[in-house]
Amino acid sequence: MELLMSLKLIKASPSFGGTEILISYPVLSVAKTMDEEVKRELGITNNLLRLLVGLEDLNEILII
């Protein structure tokens, strides 16, 4: 969680729906209600982060 809060360019998001760079922590979002066995079968662990590479203009990224 500390890593997610320290990011400046990448926004933490519970789901991917936009075109910007996003990151999510599945354990607290999509997998929150999943059975532990199902999470294990899917490879969802407590240290898993999902990153979506967005469509930002390079100049927008370089400004940050």
Protein backbone atom coordinates (compact mmCIF):
# COMPACT_ATOMS: atom_id res chain seq x y z
CA MET A 1 0.00 0.00 0.00
CA GLU A 2 2.85 2.36 0.77
CA LEU A 3 4.13 1.97 -2.79
CA LEU A 4 0.72 2.84 -4.26
CA MET A 5 0.50 6.00 -2.17
CA SER A 6 4.01 7.13 -3.17
CA LEU A 7 3.42 7.04 -6.93
CA LYS A 8 3.26 10.42 -8.65
CA LEU A 9 2.64 9.59 -12.30
CA ILE A 10 0.56 6.44 -11.94
CA LYS A 11 -2.89 6.67 -10.35
CA ALA A 12 -4.09 3.91 -8.06
CA SER A 13 -7.41 2.58 -9.30
CA PRO A 14 -9.75 -0.25 -8.30
CA SER A 15 -10.44 -1.08 -11.95
CA PHE A 16 -9.17 -0.34 -15.43
CA GLY A 17 -11.57 1.72 -17.48
CA GLY A 18 -9.68 4.70 -18.82
CA THR A 19 -6.79 5.38 -21.12
CA GLU A 20 -4.34 6.71 -18.52
CA ILE A 21 -1.57 4.81 -16.74
CA LEU A 22 -3.18 3.03 -13.79
CA ILE A 23 -2.19 0.53 -11.14
CA SER A 24 -4.39 -1.64 -8.94
CA TYR A 25 -3.98 -3.94 -5.97
CA PRO A 26 -6.27 -6.90 -6.77
CA VAL A 27 -6.31 -8.22 -3.20
CA LEU A 28 -8.27 -5.11 -2.17
CA SER A 29 -10.39 -4.83 -5.30
CA VAL A 30 -11.45 -7.56 -7.72
CA ALA A 31 -10.18 -10.43 -5.56
CA LYS A 32 -11.38 -9.04 -2.24
CA THR A 33 -14.28 -11.48 -1.95
CA MET A 34 -12.61 -14.47 -3.63
CA ASP A 35 -11.93 -17.64 -1.72
CA GLU A 36 -8.24 -18.06 -0.81
CA GLU A 37 -8.00 -21.26 -2.88
CA VAL A 38 -9.35 -19.50 -5.98
CA LYS A 39 -6.88 -16.64 -5.50
CA ARG A 40 -4.06 -19.15 -5.19
CA GLU A 41 -5.16 -20.94 -8.39
CA LEU A 42 -5.25 -17.61 -10.24
CA GLY A 43 -1.87 -16.51 -8.90
CA ILE A 44 -3.31 -13.58 -6.96
CA THR A 45 -0.99 -12.97 -4.04
CA ASN A 46 -0.67 -10.20 -1.46
CA ASN A 47 2.26 -8.69 -3.37
CA LEU A 48 0.59 -8.66 -6.82
CA LEU A 49 0.06 -5.31 -8.53
CA ARG A 50 -1.64 -4.88 -11.92
CA LEU A 51 -0.29 -2.17 -14.21
CA LEU A 52 -2.14 -0.74 -17.20
CA VAL A 53 0.02 1.18 -19.63
CA GLY A 54 -1.93 4.20 -20.81
CA LEU A 55 -2.07 6.37 -23.88
CA GLU A 56 -0.56 9.56 -22.43
CA ASP A 57 1.38 11.85 -24.70
CA LEU A 58 5.13 11.58 -24.03
CA ASN A 59 5.25 15.30 -23.17
CA GLU A 60 2.66 14.80 -20.42
CA ILE A 61 4.79 12.08 -18.87
CA LEU A 62 8.05 14.02 -19.11
CA ILE A 63 6.57 17.07 -17.36
CA ILE A 64 5.99 15.01 -14.23
